[in-house]
Amino acid sequence: MRPTPADPDAWNAYLAEGNATQARKRVAADVLLRDVTGRFLLVKPTYKPGWDLPGGMAEANEAPDRAAVRELEEELGLAVALRALLVVDWVAPHGPWDDQLAFIFDGGTVDSETAHGLRPRDEELSELRFVPLGEARKLLRPRLARRFGEAVAALAEGRPRYLRSGDH
């Protein structure tokens, strides 16, 4: 017999059992950050090939926007106030990975002094640079380049985009 909310302990145990069997999603949270000339910040991780957007993976029970802010503070020593959600991308399972939700938030523009002073602050990043739009698209892996392009379009249009593996 299923418990009812009238018995809070039994009801919470019933809900916890259901929660334990439901799917879990990995969550990535990145930030679109620009300098005063309109170039975009890219970072080079040490744990995988190629270039990436600044940000990273959310921890257990961490909101995506808070994960993005935390990652920029940890990796770059940069405190950002996120402005808007630009992209939510459901990424299909690939290789050894289950599916995930990937977010991109607008981090606004940093002034010249801040941009010139940015350096990797932990072992997860080896390099960073601000690059023009076309160069960013060439440096990013194809799926991320599509997501990045959609984030740039969302920024211009003022409305977020929902994607499936980088596509509409």
C-alpha atoms as a PDB file:
ATOM      1  CA  MET A   1       0.000   0.000   0.000  1.00  0.00           C
ATOM      2  CA  ARG A   2       1.331   3.425  -0.968  1.00  0.00           C
ATOM      3  CA  PRO A   3       1.784   5.860   1.947  1.00  0.00           C
ATOM      4  CA  THR A   4      -0.043   9.174   1.960  1.00  0.00           C
ATOM      5  CA  PRO A   5       1.117  12.685   2.886  1.00  0.00           C
ATOM      6  CA  ALA A   6      -0.825  12.235   6.149  1.00  0.00           C
ATOM      7  CA  ASP A   7       2.149  10.139   7.392  1.00  0.00           C
ATOM      8  CA  PRO A   8       5.109  12.484   6.657  1.00  0.00           C
ATOM      9  CA  ASP A   9       7.877  10.000   7.545  1.00  0.00           C
ATOM     10  CA  ALA A  10       6.448   7.199   5.389  1.00  0.00           C
ATOM     11  CA  TRP A  11       5.640   9.668   2.586  1.00  0.00           C
ATOM     12  CA  ASN A  12       9.198  11.081   2.554  1.00  0.00           C
ATOM     13  CA  ALA A  13      10.677   7.568   2.538  1.00  0.00           C
ATOM     14  CA  TYR A  14       8.428   6.679  -0.403  1.00  0.00           C
ATOM     15  CA  LEU A  15       9.488   9.814  -2.317  1.00  0.00           C
ATOM     16  CA  ALA A  16      13.186   9.204  -1.547  1.00  0.00           C
ATOM     17  CA  GLU A  17      12.911   5.670  -2.952  1.00  0.00           C
ATOM     18  CA  GLY A  18      11.426   7.033  -6.169  1.00  0.00           C
ATOM     19  CA  ASN A  19      14.070   9.768  -6.348  1.00  0.00           C
ATOM     20  CA  ALA A  20      16.855   7.189  -6.033  1.00  0.00           C
ATOM     21  CA  THR A  21      15.655   5.333  -9.144  1.00  0.00           C
ATOM     22  CA  GLN A  22      15.119   8.361 -11.420  1.00  0.00           C
ATOM     23  CA  ALA A  23      17.581   9.423 -14.086  1.00  0.00           C
ATOM     24  CA  ARG A  24      20.358  11.859 -13.202  1.00  0.00           C
ATOM     25  CA  LYS A  25      21.716  14.422 -15.651  1.00  0.00           C
ATOM     26  CA  ARG A  26      25.213  15.818 -15.846  1.00  0.00           C
ATOM     27  CA  VAL A  27      25.113  19.614 -16.060  1.00  0.00           C
ATOM     28  CA  ALA A  28      27.676  21.870 -17.728  1.00  0.00           C
ATOM     29  CA  ALA A  29      27.527  25.643 -17.254  1.00  0.00           C
ATOM     30  CA  ASP A  30      29.592  27.962 -19.446  1.00  0.00           C
ATOM     31  CA  VAL A  31      29.843  31.723 -19.797  1.00  0.00           C
ATOM     32  CA  LEU A  32      29.991  33.928 -22.866  1.00  0.00           C
ATOM     33  CA  LEU A  33      32.405  36.668 -21.809  1.00  0.00           C
ATOM     34  CA  ARG A  34      33.642  39.494 -24.021  1.00  0.00           C
ATOM     35  CA  ASP A  35      36.279  42.201 -23.897  1.00  0.00           C
ATOM     36  CA  VAL A  36      35.631  45.839 -24.845  1.00  0.00           C
ATOM     37  CA  THR A  37      36.534  45.132 -28.482  1.00  0.00           C
ATOM     38  CA  GLY A  38      33.883  42.382 -28.734  1.00  0.00           C
ATOM     39  CA  ARG A  39      36.273  39.431 -28.705  1.00  0.00           C
ATOM     40  CA  PHE A  40      35.220  36.260 -26.832  1.00  0.00           C
ATOM     41  CA  LEU A  41      37.115  34.570 -24.012  1.00  0.00           C
ATOM     42  CA  LEU A  42      38.215  30.985 -24.681  1.00  0.00           C
ATOM     43  CA  VAL A  43      40.148  28.751 -22.297  1.00  0.00           C
ATOM     44  CA  LYS A  44      42.398  25.760 -22.948  1.00  0.00           C
ATOM     45  CA  PRO A  45      41.782  22.892 -20.505  1.00  0.00           C
ATOM     46  CA  THR A  46      44.647  20.644 -19.446  1.00  0.00           C
ATOM     47  CA  TYR A  47      42.443  17.536 -19.152  1.00  0.00           C
ATOM     48  CA  LYS A  48      41.140  17.408 -22.742  1.00  0.00           C
ATOM     49  CA  PRO A  49      42.258  18.563 -26.184  1.00  0.00           C
ATOM     50  CA  GLY A  50      41.247  21.852 -27.753  1.00  0.00           C
ATOM     51  CA  TRP A  51      39.674  25.082 -26.595  1.00  0.00           C
ATOM     52  CA  ASP A  52      36.552  25.631 -24.522  1.00  0.00           C
ATOM     53  CA  LEU A  53      34.314  28.343 -23.128  1.00  0.00           C
ATOM     54  CA  PRO A  54      35.012  29.321 -19.521  1.00  0.00           C
ATOM     55  CA  GLY A  55      32.859  27.400 -17.053  1.00  0.00           C
ATOM     56  CA  GLY A  56      32.556  23.760 -16.120  1.00  0.00           C
ATOM     57  CA  MET A  57      30.506  21.029 -14.541  1.00  0.00           C
ATOM     58  CA  ALA A  58      27.961  21.626 -11.799  1.00  0.00           C
ATOM     59  CA  GLU A  59      28.442  19.797  -8.548  1.00  0.00           C
ATOM     60  CA  ALA A  60      25.694  17.665  -7.002  1.00  0.00           C
ATOM     61  CA  ASN A  61      22.622  19.775  -6.229  1.00  0.00           C
ATOM     62  CA  GLU A  62      24.258  22.967  -7.541  1.00  0.00           C
ATOM     63  CA  ALA A  63      22.250  25.325  -9.764  1.00  0.00           C
ATOM     64  CA  PRO A  64      23.763  25.820 -13.237  1.00  0.00           C
ATOM     65  CA  ASP A  65      24.163  29.601 -12.858  1.00  0.00           C
ATOM     66  CA  ARG A  66      25.939  29.187  -9.524  1.00  0.00           C
ATOM     67  CA  ALA A  67      28.198  26.533 -11.048  1.00  0.00           C
ATOM     68  CA  ALA A  68      29.211  28.945 -13.824  1.00  0.00           C
ATOM     69  CA  VAL A  69      30.004  31.709 -11.328  1.00  0.00           C
ATOM     70  CA  ARG A  70      31.954  29.299  -9.088  1.00  0.00           C
ATOM     71  CA  GLU A  71      33.973  27.893 -11.993  1.00  0.00           C
ATOM     72  CA  LEU A  72      35.043  31.357 -13.214  1.00  0.00           C
ATOM     73  CA  GLU A  73      36.080  32.317  -9.685  1.00  0.00           C
ATOM     74  CA  GLU A  74      38.065  29.091  -9.176  1.00  0.00           C
ATOM     75  CA  GLU A  75      39.723  28.918 -12.588  1.00  0.00           C
ATOM     76  CA  LEU A  76      40.222  32.614 -13.410  1.00  0.00           C
ATOM     77  CA  GLY A  77      39.815  34.486 -10.120  1.00  0.00           C
ATOM     78  CA  LEU A  78      37.011  36.408 -11.826  1.00  0.00           C
ATOM     79  CA  ALA A  79      33.777  37.388 -10.085  1.00  0.00           C
ATOM     80  CA  VAL A  80      30.981  37.716 -12.636  1.00  0.00           C
ATOM     81  CA  ALA A  81      27.358  38.739 -12.382  1.00  0.00           C
ATOM     82  CA  LEU A  82      25.519  36.697 -14.982  1.00  0.00           C
ATOM     83  CA  ARG A  83      23.104  38.692 -17.101  1.00  0.00           C
ATOM     84  CA  ALA A  84      20.920  36.186 -18.919  1.00  0.00           C
ATOM     85  CA  LEU A  85      20.519  32.593 -19.986  1.00  0.00           C
ATOM     86  CA  LEU A  86      21.521  32.240 -23.646  1.00  0.00           C
ATOM     87  CA  VAL A  87      21.406  28.496 -24.401  1.00  0.00           C
ATOM     88  CA  VAL A  88      20.175  25.220 -22.961  1.00  0.00           C
ATOM     89  CA  ASP A  89      21.497  22.295 -24.994  1.00  0.00           C
ATOM     90  CA  TRP A  90      20.477  18.695 -24.371  1.00  0.00           C
ATOM     91  CA  VAL A  91      23.519  16.649 -25.378  1.00  0.00           C
ATOM     92  CA  ALA A  92      22.804  13.067 -26.428  1.00  0.00           C
ATOM     93  CA  PRO A  93      24.834  10.198 -24.973  1.00  0.00           C
ATOM     94  CA  HIS A  94      28.211   9.909 -26.690  1.00  0.00           C
ATOM     95  CA  GLY A  95      31.260   7.721 -26.094  1.00  0.00           C
ATOM     96  CA  PRO A  96      31.319   6.685 -22.445  1.00  0.00           C
ATOM     97  CA  TRP A  97      29.100   9.602 -21.403  1.00  0.00           C
ATOM     98  CA  ASP A  98      25.391   9.646 -20.590  1.00  0.00           C
ATOM     99  CA  ASP A  99      23.339  12.589 -21.771  1.00  0.00           C
ATOM    100  CA  GLN A 100      23.774  16.013 -20.223  1.00  0.00           C
ATOM    101  CA  LEU A 101      22.314  19.506 -20.098  1.00  0.00           C
ATOM    102  CA  ALA A 102      24.706  22.266 -21.199  1.00  0.00           C
ATOM    103  CA  PHE A 103      23.950  25.882 -20.339  1.00  0.00           C
ATOM    104  CA  ILE A 104      25.568  29.065 -21.633  1.00  0.00           C
ATOM    105  CA  PHE A 105      25.042  32.306 -19.716  1.00  0.00           C
ATOM    106  CA  ASP A 106      25.860  35.873 -20.707  1.00  0.00           C
ATOM    107  CA  GLY A 107      28.716  37.130 -18.538  1.00  0.00           C
ATOM    108  CA  GLY A 108      28.815  40.559 -20.137  1.00  0.00           C
ATOM    109  CA  THR A 109      31.941  42.519 -20.994  1.00  0.00           C
ATOM    110  CA  VAL A 110      35.116  42.929 -18.964  1.00  0.00           C
ATOM    111  CA  ASP A 111      37.130  46.135 -19.086  1.00  0.00           C
ATOM    112  CA  SER A 112      40.576  46.249 -20.702  1.00  0.00           C
ATOM    113  CA  GLU A 113      42.466  46.108 -17.408  1.00  0.00           C
ATOM    114  CA  THR A 114      40.559  43.021 -16.258  1.00  0.00           C
ATOM    115  CA  ALA A 115      40.945  41.325 -19.650  1.00  0.00           C
ATOM    116  CA  HIS A 116      44.725  41.901 -19.698  1.00  0.00           C
ATOM    117  CA  GLY A 117      45.077  40.669 -16.112  1.00  0.00           C
ATOM    118  CA  LEU A 118      43.253  37.369 -16.542  1.00  0.00           C
ATOM    119  CA  ARG A 119      45.377  34.265 -16.006  1.00  0.00           C
ATOM    120  CA  PRO A 120      44.551  30.624 -15.299  1.00  0.00           C
ATOM    121  CA  ARG A 121      44.377  30.203 -11.519  1.00  0.00           C
ATOM    122  CA  ASP A 122      44.352  26.414 -11.181  1.00  0.00           C
ATOM    123  CA  GLU A 123      45.731  23.302 -12.864  1.00  0.00           C
ATOM    124  CA  GLU A 124      42.627  22.740 -15.011  1.00  0.00           C
ATOM    125  CA  LEU A 125      43.553  25.513 -17.472  1.00  0.00           C
ATOM    126  CA  SER A 126      46.830  26.055 -19.324  1.00  0.00           C
ATOM    127  CA  GLU A 127      45.934  29.119 -21.378  1.00  0.00           C
ATOM    128  CA  LEU A 128      43.253  31.672 -22.180  1.00  0.00           C
ATOM    129  CA  ARG A 129      42.707  34.242 -24.863  1.00  0.00           C
ATOM    130  CA  PHE A 130      40.164  36.668 -26.238  1.00  0.00           C
ATOM    131  CA  VAL A 131      39.465  35.932 -29.908  1.00  0.00           C
ATOM    132  CA  PRO A 132      37.186  37.290 -32.634  1.00  0.00           C
ATOM    133  CA  LEU A 133      33.960  35.444 -33.467  1.00  0.00           C
ATOM    134  CA  GLY A 134      35.313  33.672 -36.559  1.00  0.00           C
ATOM    135  CA  GLU A 135      38.433  32.439 -34.788  1.00  0.00           C
ATOM    136  CA  ALA A 136      36.381  31.186 -31.835  1.00  0.00           C
ATOM    137  CA  ARG A 137      34.238  29.102 -34.189  1.00  0.00           C
ATOM    138  CA  LYS A 138      37.383  27.535 -35.687  1.00  0.00           C
ATOM    139  CA  LEU A 139      39.030  26.787 -32.319  1.00  0.00           C
ATOM    140  CA  LEU A 140      36.023  25.167 -30.636  1.00  0.00           C
ATOM    141  CA  ARG A 141      35.039  21.535 -31.226  1.00  0.00           C
ATOM    142  CA  PRO A 142      32.154  21.291 -33.763  1.00  0.00           C
ATOM    143  CA  ARG A 143      29.297  20.673 -31.294  1.00  0.00           C
ATOM    144  CA  LEU A 144      30.533  23.425 -28.982  1.00  0.00           C
ATOM    145  CA  ALA A 145      31.091  25.756 -31.946  1.00  0.00           C
ATOM    146  CA  ARG A 146      27.424  25.304 -32.917  1.00  0.00           C
ATOM    147  CA  ARG A 147      26.311  25.931 -29.316  1.00  0.00           C
ATOM    148  CA  PHE A 148      28.586  28.987 -29.157  1.00  0.00           C
ATOM    149  CA  GLY A 149      27.131  30.345 -32.420  1.00  0.00           C
ATOM    150  CA  GLU A 150      23.605  29.905 -31.056  1.00  0.00           C
ATOM    151  CA  ALA A 151      24.625  31.730 -27.857  1.00  0.00           C
ATOM    152  CA  VAL A 152      25.954  34.653 -29.903  1.00  0.00           C
ATOM    153  CA  ALA A 153      22.678  34.740 -31.880  1.00  0.00           C
ATOM    154  CA  ALA A 154      20.642  34.566 -28.651  1.00  0.00           C
ATOM    155  CA  LEU A 155      22.661  37.450 -27.253  1.00  0.00           C
ATOM    156  CA  ALA A 156      21.860  39.573 -30.327  1.00  0.00           C
ATOM    157  CA  GLU A 157      18.154  38.612 -30.334  1.00  0.00           C
ATOM    158  CA  GLY A 158      17.610  38.871 -26.603  1.00  0.00           C
ATOM    159  CA  ARG A 159      15.982  35.454 -26.285  1.00  0.00           C
ATOM    160  CA  PRO A 160      17.447  32.104 -25.197  1.00  0.00           C
ATOM    161  CA  ARG A 161      17.760  29.065 -27.440  1.00  0.00           C
ATOM    162  CA  TYR A 162      16.930  25.421 -26.739  1.00  0.00           C
ATOM    163  CA  LEU A 163      19.076  22.947 -28.655  1.00  0.00           C
ATOM    164  CA  ARG A 164      19.463  19.199 -29.015  1.00  0.00           C
ATOM    165  CA  SER A 165      23.138  18.280 -29.390  1.00  0.00           C
ATOM    166  CA  GLY A 166      23.936  21.719 -30.759  1.00  0.00           C
ATOM    167  CA  ASP A 167      21.055  21.883 -33.242  1.00  0.00           C
ATOM    168  CA  HIS A 168      17.519  23.343 -33.177  1.00  0.00           C
END
